C-alpha atoms as a PDB file:
ATOM      1  CA  MET A   1      22.999 -18.236 -19.258  1.00  0.00           C
ATOM      2  CA  LEU A   2      19.962 -18.765 -21.573  1.00  0.00           C
ATOM      3  CA  THR A   3      16.717 -19.669 -19.897  1.00  0.00           C
ATOM      4  CA  LEU A   4      13.530 -20.527 -22.069  1.00  0.00           C
ATOM      5  CA  HIS A   5      10.017 -19.530 -19.814  1.00  0.00           C
ATOM      6  CA  LYS A   6       7.242 -21.555 -20.751  1.00  0.00           C
ATOM      7  CA  VAL A   7       4.383 -20.305 -19.403  1.00  0.00           C
ATOM      8  CA  ARG A   8       0.493 -19.824 -20.319  1.00  0.00           C
ATOM      9  CA  ALA A   9       0.380 -16.681 -21.563  1.00  0.00           C
ATOM     10  CA  VAL A  10       2.394 -13.117 -22.004  1.00  0.00           C
ATOM     11  CA  ARG A  11       1.028  -9.944 -20.464  1.00  0.00           C
ATOM     12  CA  PRO A  12       2.629  -7.481 -22.897  1.00  0.00           C
ATOM     13  CA  ALA A  13       2.447  -4.419 -20.648  1.00  0.00           C
ATOM     14  CA  PRO A  14       1.710  -3.993 -16.969  1.00  0.00           C
ATOM     15  CA  THR A  15      -1.257  -2.863 -17.727  1.00  0.00           C
ATOM     16  CA  GLU A  16      -4.794  -4.625 -16.337  1.00  0.00           C
ATOM     17  CA  ASP A  17      -5.888  -3.705 -20.148  1.00  0.00           C
ATOM     18  CA  ALA A  18      -2.808  -5.519 -21.652  1.00  0.00           C
ATOM     19  CA  GLU A  19      -4.111  -8.762 -22.683  1.00  0.00           C
ATOM     20  CA  PRO A  20      -2.352 -11.938 -22.136  1.00  0.00           C
ATOM     21  CA  LEU A  21      -0.912 -14.043 -25.022  1.00  0.00           C
ATOM     22  CA  PRO A  22      -1.107 -17.223 -24.862  1.00  0.00           C
ATOM     23  CA  GLY A  23       1.334 -19.626 -25.741  1.00  0.00           C
ATOM     24  CA  TYR A  24       4.092 -17.033 -26.040  1.00  0.00           C
ATOM     25  CA  ALA A  25       7.439 -17.844 -23.832  1.00  0.00           C
ATOM     26  CA  VAL A  26      10.276 -15.517 -22.635  1.00  0.00           C
ATOM     27  CA  VAL A  27      14.218 -15.776 -23.012  1.00  0.00           C
ATOM     28  CA  VAL A  28      16.301 -14.573 -20.444  1.00  0.00           C
ATOM     29  CA  ASP A  29      20.074 -14.413 -20.810  1.00  0.00           C
ATOM     30  CA  GLY A  30      21.368 -13.769 -17.579  1.00  0.00           C
ATOM     31  CA  ASP A  31      19.661 -11.024 -15.644  1.00  0.00           C
ATOM     32  CA  ARG A  32      18.230  -9.694 -19.386  1.00  0.00           C
ATOM     33  CA  LEU A  33      15.385 -10.665 -21.619  1.00  0.00           C
ATOM     34  CA  ALA A  34      16.923 -11.945 -24.917  1.00  0.00           C
ATOM     35  CA  ALA A  35      13.429 -12.459 -26.416  1.00  0.00           C
ATOM     36  CA  VAL A  36      10.004 -12.813 -26.120  1.00  0.00           C
ATOM     37  CA  GLY A  37       7.764 -14.660 -28.850  1.00  0.00           C
ATOM     38  CA  PRO A  38       5.626 -17.869 -29.482  1.00  0.00           C
ATOM     39  CA  TYR A  39       7.165 -20.810 -27.598  1.00  0.00           C
ATOM     40  CA  GLU A  40       7.697 -23.033 -30.643  1.00  0.00           C
ATOM     41  CA  GLU A  41       9.469 -20.251 -32.469  1.00  0.00           C
ATOM     42  CA  LEU A  42      11.823 -19.308 -29.194  1.00  0.00           C
ATOM     43  CA  ALA A  43      12.747 -23.162 -28.710  1.00  0.00           C
ATOM     44  CA  ALA A  44      13.854 -23.803 -32.217  1.00  0.00           C
ATOM     45  CA  ALA A  45      15.860 -20.686 -32.111  1.00  0.00           C
ATOM     46  CA  TYR A  46      17.367 -20.749 -28.961  1.00  0.00           C
ATOM     47  CA  GLY A  47      17.890 -25.013 -28.564  1.00  0.00           C
ATOM     48  CA  SER A  48      20.797 -24.610 -25.846  1.00  0.00           C
ATOM     49  CA  ALA A  49      18.740 -22.962 -23.789  1.00  0.00           C
ATOM     50  CA  ARG A  50      17.303 -24.502 -20.029  1.00  0.00           C
ATOM     51  CA  ILE A  51      13.751 -24.556 -19.982  1.00  0.00           C
ATOM     52  CA  ARG A  52      11.483 -23.804 -16.780  1.00  0.00           C
ATOM     53  CA  GLU A  53       7.843 -24.192 -17.256  1.00  0.00           C
ATOM     54  CA  TRP A  54       5.223 -22.348 -14.571  1.00  0.00           C
ATOM     55  CA  ASP A  55       1.411 -22.319 -14.747  1.00  0.00           C
ATOM     56  CA  GLY A  56       0.658 -19.025 -14.650  1.00  0.00           C
ATOM     57  CA  VAL A  57       1.054 -15.486 -16.889  1.00  0.00           C
ATOM     58  CA  LEU A  58       4.698 -13.914 -17.045  1.00  0.00           C
ATOM     59  CA  THR A  59       4.227  -9.787 -16.754  1.00  0.00           C
ATOM     60  CA  PRO A  60       6.674  -7.068 -16.395  1.00  0.00           C
ATOM     61  CA  GLY A  61       7.908  -5.968 -13.098  1.00  0.00           C
ATOM     62  CA  ARG A  62       5.960  -3.565 -10.935  1.00  0.00           C
ATOM     63  CA  HIS A  63       7.616  -0.652  -9.827  1.00  0.00           C
ATOM     64  CA  GLU A  64       6.873   0.743  -6.570  1.00  0.00           C
ATOM     65  CA  PRO A  65       7.816   4.583  -5.835  1.00  0.00           C
ATOM     66  CA  ASP A  66       6.050   5.025  -2.785  1.00  0.00           C
ATOM     67  CA  GLY A  67       8.324   2.376  -0.887  1.00  0.00           C
ATOM     68  CA  ALA A  68       9.215   4.421   1.891  1.00  0.00           C
ATOM     69  CA  ALA A  69       6.096   5.492   2.392  1.00  0.00           C
ATOM     70  CA  LEU A  70       4.657   2.409   2.342  1.00  0.00           C
ATOM     71  CA  LEU A  71       7.389   0.986   4.869  1.00  0.00           C
ATOM     72  CA  GLU A  72       8.294   3.412   7.206  1.00  0.00           C
ATOM     73  CA  ALA A  73       4.929   5.018   7.839  1.00  0.00           C
ATOM     74  CA  ALA A  74       3.412   2.307   7.974  1.00  0.00           C
ATOM     75  CA  TYR A  75       3.134  -0.391  10.391  1.00  0.00           C
ATOM     76  CA  HIS A  76       1.683  -4.126   9.484  1.00  0.00           C
ATOM     77  CA  PRO A  77       0.616  -6.222  11.777  1.00  0.00           C
ATOM     78  CA  ASP A  78       2.477  -9.480  13.123  1.00  0.00           C
ATOM     79  CA  PRO A  79      -0.152 -12.353  12.763  1.00  0.00           C
ATOM     80  CA  ARG A  80      -0.437 -12.293  16.743  1.00  0.00           C
ATOM     81  CA  GLU A  81      -1.312  -9.411  16.669  1.00  0.00           C
ATOM     82  CA  ALA A  82      -4.502  -9.867  14.230  1.00  0.00           C
ATOM     83  CA  ASP A  83      -7.146  -9.672  17.546  1.00  0.00           C
ATOM     84  CA  GLU A  84      -5.880  -6.408  18.660  1.00  0.00           C
ATOM     85  CA  LEU A  85      -4.714  -4.472  15.663  1.00  0.00           C
ATOM     86  CA  GLY A  86      -5.946  -6.397  12.887  1.00  0.00           C
ATOM     87  CA  THR A  87      -3.889  -7.488   9.683  1.00  0.00           C
ATOM     88  CA  GLU A  88      -4.085  -4.515   7.330  1.00  0.00           C
ATOM     89  CA  PRO A  89      -1.601  -1.876   7.414  1.00  0.00           C
ATOM     90  CA  LEU A  90      -1.711   0.905  10.059  1.00  0.00           C
ATOM     91  CA  THR A  91      -0.966   4.644  10.080  1.00  0.00           C
ATOM     92  CA  GLY A  92      -2.077   8.002  10.879  1.00  0.00           C
ATOM     93  CA  VAL A  93      -3.029   8.589  14.435  1.00  0.00           C
ATOM     94  CA  ALA A  94      -3.774   4.256  14.867  1.00  0.00           C
ATOM     95  CA  LEU A  95       0.406   4.437  14.203  1.00  0.00           C
ATOM     96  CA  ALA A  96       1.228   7.272  16.430  1.00  0.00           C
ATOM     97  CA  ALA A  97      -0.795   4.872  19.495  1.00  0.00           C
ATOM     98  CA  LEU A  98       1.960   2.020  18.842  1.00  0.00           C
ATOM     99  CA  SER A  99       5.336   1.938  20.860  1.00  0.00           C
ATOM    100  CA  MET A 100       7.776   1.420  17.760  1.00  0.00           C
ATOM    101  CA  SER A 101      11.251  -0.050  18.503  1.00  0.00           C
ATOM    102  CA  GLU A 102      13.515  -0.140  15.576  1.00  0.00           C
ATOM    103  CA  ALA A 103      13.289  -4.040  16.059  1.00  0.00           C
ATOM    104  CA  ARG A 104       9.794  -3.647  15.157  1.00  0.00           C
ATOM    105  CA  TRP A 105       9.636  -1.269  12.644  1.00  0.00           C
ATOM    106  CA  GLY A 106      12.454  -3.759  11.139  1.00  0.00           C
ATOM    107  CA  ALA A 107       9.350  -6.874  11.545  1.00  0.00           C
ATOM    108  CA  SER A 108       6.798  -4.491  10.023  1.00  0.00           C
ATOM    109  CA  ALA A 109       9.313  -3.602   6.638  1.00  0.00           C
ATOM    110  CA  ARG A 110      10.163  -7.520   6.153  1.00  0.00           C
ATOM    111  CA  ARG A 111       6.206  -8.125   6.151  1.00  0.00           C
ATOM    112  CA  GLY A 112       5.087  -5.220   3.824  1.00  0.00           C
ATOM    113  CA  LEU A 113       8.193  -5.869   1.398  1.00  0.00           C
ATOM    114  CA  GLN A 114       6.350  -9.865   1.661  1.00  0.00           C
ATOM    115  CA  ARG A 115       3.060  -7.767   0.957  1.00  0.00           C
ATOM    116  CA  LEU A 116       4.940  -5.958  -2.079  1.00  0.00           C
ATOM    117  CA  LEU A 117       6.457  -9.554  -4.121  1.00  0.00           C
ATOM    118  CA  ALA A 118       2.923 -10.944  -3.447  1.00  0.00           C
ATOM    119  CA  ALA A 119       2.103  -8.152  -5.771  1.00  0.00           C
ATOM    120  CA  GLY A 120       4.884  -8.449  -8.835  1.00  0.00           C
ATOM    121  CA  THR A 121       6.727  -5.778  -7.375  1.00  0.00           C
ATOM    122  CA  THR A 122      10.600  -6.046  -8.321  1.00  0.00           C
ATOM    123  CA  SER A 123      11.989  -2.597  -7.339  1.00  0.00           C
ATOM    124  CA  LEU A 124      11.036   0.318  -4.984  1.00  0.00           C
ATOM    125  CA  ALA A 125      11.601   3.770  -4.092  1.00  0.00           C
ATOM    126  CA  GLY A 126      13.288   5.637  -0.786  1.00  0.00           C
ATOM    127  CA  PRO A 127      14.800   6.685   0.557  1.00  0.00           C
ATOM    128  CA  PHE A 128      14.977   4.807   3.959  1.00  0.00           C
ATOM    129  CA  THR A 129      15.957   6.461   7.035  1.00  0.00           C
ATOM    130  CA  ARG A 130      15.373   3.937   9.458  1.00  0.00           C
ATOM    131  CA  PRO A 131      18.378   1.329  10.246  1.00  0.00           C
ATOM    132  CA  ALA A 132      15.993  -1.462  10.521  1.00  0.00           C
ATOM    133  CA  VAL A 133      14.420  -0.146   7.267  1.00  0.00           C
ATOM    134  CA  ARG A 134      16.606  -0.518   5.258  1.00  0.00           C
ATOM    135  CA  THR A 135      17.995  -3.566   5.966  1.00  0.00           C
ATOM    136  CA  ALA A 136      15.420  -5.462   5.543  1.00  0.00           C
ATOM    137  CA  VAL A 137      14.818  -3.748   2.053  1.00  0.00           C
ATOM    138  CA  GLN A 138      18.749  -4.757   0.945  1.00  0.00           C
ATOM    139  CA  ARG A 139      18.531  -7.941   2.062  1.00  0.00           C
ATOM    140  CA  SER A 140      15.229  -8.539   0.265  1.00  0.00           C
ATOM    141  CA  GLY A 141      16.231  -8.863  -3.228  1.00  0.00           C
ATOM    142  CA  LEU A 142      14.554  -6.080  -4.550  1.00  0.00           C
ATOM    143  CA  GLY A 143      15.989  -3.508  -7.172  1.00  0.00           C
ATOM    144  CA  ARG A 144      15.980   0.182  -4.929  1.00  0.00           C
ATOM    145  CA  SER A 145      16.683   3.791  -5.494  1.00  0.00           C
ATOM    146  CA  ASP A 146      16.487   7.228  -3.563  1.00  0.00           C
ATOM    147  CA  GLY A 147      13.659   8.280  -4.908  1.00  0.00           C
ATOM    148  CA  ARG A 148      15.949  11.383  -6.347  1.00  0.00           C
ATOM    149  CA  PRO A 149      15.349  12.544 -10.189  1.00  0.00           C
ATOM    150  CA  PRO A 150      18.304  11.762 -11.819  1.00  0.00           C
ATOM    151  CA  ALA A 151      21.074  14.481 -12.700  1.00  0.00           C
ATOM    152  CA  PRO A 152      19.961  16.231 -15.355  1.00  0.00           C
ATOM    153  CA  SER A 153      22.402  16.570 -19.030  1.00  0.00           C
ATOM    154  CA  PRO A 154      24.639  18.834 -19.688  1.00  0.00           C
ATOM    155  CA  PRO A 155      22.392  21.723 -21.293  1.00  0.00           C
ATOM    156  CA  ALA A 156      22.961  21.782 -25.286  1.00  0.00           C
ATOM    157  CA  PRO A 157      24.286  24.845 -27.011  1.00  0.00           C
ATOM    158  CA  GLY A 158      21.491  27.235 -27.885  1.00  0.00           C
ATOM    159  CA  PRO A 159      18.903  28.702 -25.214  1.00  0.00           C
ATOM    160  CA  THR A 160      16.878  26.245 -22.722  1.00  0.00           C
ATOM    161  CA  SER A 161      14.432  26.006 -20.090  1.00  0.00           C
ATOM    162  CA  PRO A 162      15.095  24.434 -16.853  1.00  0.00           C
ATOM    163  CA  SER A 163      12.524  21.625 -16.178  1.00  0.00           C
ATOM    164  CA  SER A 164      10.465  21.047 -13.392  1.00  0.00           C
ATOM    165  CA  PRO A 165      11.923  18.491 -10.592  1.00  0.00           C
ATOM    166  CA  PRO A 166       8.915  15.953 -10.690  1.00  0.00           C
ATOM    167  CA  THR A 167       6.448  15.766  -7.600  1.00  0.00           C
ATOM    168  CA  ALA A 168       6.386  13.417  -4.970  1.00  0.00           C
ATOM    169  CA  ALA A 169       4.177   9.969  -6.240  1.00  0.00           C
ATOM    170  CA  ALA A 170       0.780   9.430  -3.916  1.00  0.00           C
ATOM    171  CA  TRP A 171      -0.035   6.344  -1.919  1.00  0.00           C
ATOM    172  CA  PRO A 172      -1.721   4.369  -3.505  1.00  0.00           C
ATOM    173  CA  PRO A 173       1.025   2.872  -5.860  1.00  0.00           C
ATOM    174  CA  SER A 174       0.695   3.914  -9.360  1.00  0.00           C
ATOM    175  CA  SER A 175       0.655   1.238 -11.810  1.00  0.00           C
ATOM    176  CA  PRO A 176       3.492  -0.989 -12.097  1.00  0.00           C
ATOM    177  CA  ALA A 177       6.300   0.325 -14.552  1.00  0.00           C
ATOM    178  CA  VAL A 178       8.480  -2.109 -17.039  1.00  0.00           C
ATOM    179  CA  SER A 179      11.277  -3.837 -15.233  1.00  0.00           C
ATOM    180  CA  SER A 180      14.405  -4.393 -17.574  1.00  0.00           C
ATOM    181  CA  THR A 181      15.595  -7.146 -15.247  1.00  0.00           C
ATOM    182  CA  VAL A 182      13.498 -10.206 -15.071  1.00  0.00           C
ATOM    183  CA  GLY A 183      13.599 -13.203 -12.142  1.00  0.00           C
ATOM    184  CA  ALA A 184      14.693 -16.728 -12.011  1.00  0.00           C
ATOM    185  CA  ASP A 185      12.229 -19.679 -11.769  1.00  0.00           C
ATOM    186  CA  PRO A 186       9.308 -17.286 -10.979  1.00  0.00           C
ATOM    187  CA  ALA A 187       6.539 -18.354  -9.920  1.00  0.00           C
ATOM    188  CA  PRO A 188       2.340 -17.585  -9.446  1.00  0.00           C
ATOM    189  CA  HIS A 189       2.152 -14.332  -7.059  1.00  0.00           C
ATOM    190  CA  ALA A 190      -1.280 -13.418  -6.027  1.00  0.00           C
ATOM    191  CA  GLU A 191      -1.516  -9.520  -7.363  1.00  0.00           C
ATOM    192  CA  PRO A 192      -3.565  -7.736  -4.736  1.00  0.00           C
ATOM    193  CA  ARG A 193      -5.603  -4.993  -6.244  1.00  0.00           C
ATOM    194  CA  ALA A 194      -4.300  -1.216  -4.298  1.00  0.00           C
ATOM    195  CA  HIS A 195      -6.562   0.981  -2.117  1.00  0.00           C
ATOM    196  CA  ALA A 196      -5.944   4.495  -0.888  1.00  0.00           C
ATOM    197  CA  PRO A 197      -5.572   3.494   2.843  1.00  0.00           C
ATOM    198  CA  ARG A 198      -7.890   5.345   5.213  1.00  0.00           C
ATOM    199  CA  GLN A 199      -6.305   7.892   8.343  1.00  0.00           C
ATOM    200  CA  GLU A 200      -5.799   4.865  10.081  1.00  0.00           C
ATOM    201  CA  ARG A 201      -6.276   0.976   8.213  1.00  0.00           C
ATOM    202  CA  VAL A 202      -5.345   0.887   4.973  1.00  0.00           C
ATOM    203  CA  LYS A 203      -7.718  -1.850   2.805  1.00  0.00           C
ATOM    204  CA  ALA A 204      -6.634  -4.918   1.786  1.00  0.00           C
ATOM    205  CA  ALA A 205      -6.811  -5.200  -1.977  1.00  0.00           C
ATOM    206  CA  PRO A 206      -8.443  -8.840  -3.458  1.00  0.00           C
ATOM    207  CA  SER A 207      -6.123 -10.914  -5.652  1.00  0.00           C
ATOM    208  CA  HIS A 208      -5.087 -12.927  -9.200  1.00  0.00           C
ATOM    209  CA  VAL A 209      -2.559 -15.458  -9.626  1.00  0.00           C
ATOM    210  CA  ARG A 210      -0.250 -14.390 -11.826  1.00  0.00           C
ATOM    211  CA  ALA A 211       3.705 -15.131 -12.884  1.00  0.00           C
ATOM    212  CA  VAL A 212       6.091 -12.073 -11.835  1.00  0.00           C
ATOM    213  CA  SER A 213       9.848 -12.841 -12.123  1.00  0.00           C
ATOM    214  CA  THR A 214      12.574 -10.988 -10.134  1.00  0.00           C
ATOM    215  CA  GLU A 215      16.346 -11.895 -10.825  1.00  0.00           C
ATOM    216  CA  ALA A 216      17.230 -14.312 -13.142  1.00  0.00           C
ATOM    217  CA  GLU A 217      19.255 -17.490 -12.198  1.00  0.00           C
END
């Protein structure tokens, strides 16, 4: 089904220095981008598409390469624990001091996933070794990978040199990557800026409003 997403502007790249294009829109066909361009032109070219209007800036979805670290090496406190633990993720010594059951890891992962979704994340990398965390990720609707490099292509004729495997990414999260899938009915989201964690507490990030797509209807 074709959907024409009309927004205040479209940011053509996932970086902050990419200027939003006012008056632009996005056409989605199923779970794929069909076209990006001025709204009037797309409305004329895709007259049969249903129209969804959003008061925000539509941007490419971001990929989180450090999903496992964010969800399995940090505890996201319950709001009811704010007086005792604060509201920011705990790592290192502060995390080691907690009594962490499987159920508590699952609840923490769900709160961490809410933070990632609010930042415009549409996919993340694992692998996730804790069953409760893995279940939370599976139910979140986010695209996911096991975090391993893709298998090498068959060698071409002639001499070749082996390529080095990529090194593990470090926290904080890297710049968002463009997602080939877009979501249906995106709504404005707050986009916090990532800060490097201290050993015991990770500093929260300020946010600004934007529209982010996840999956198309």
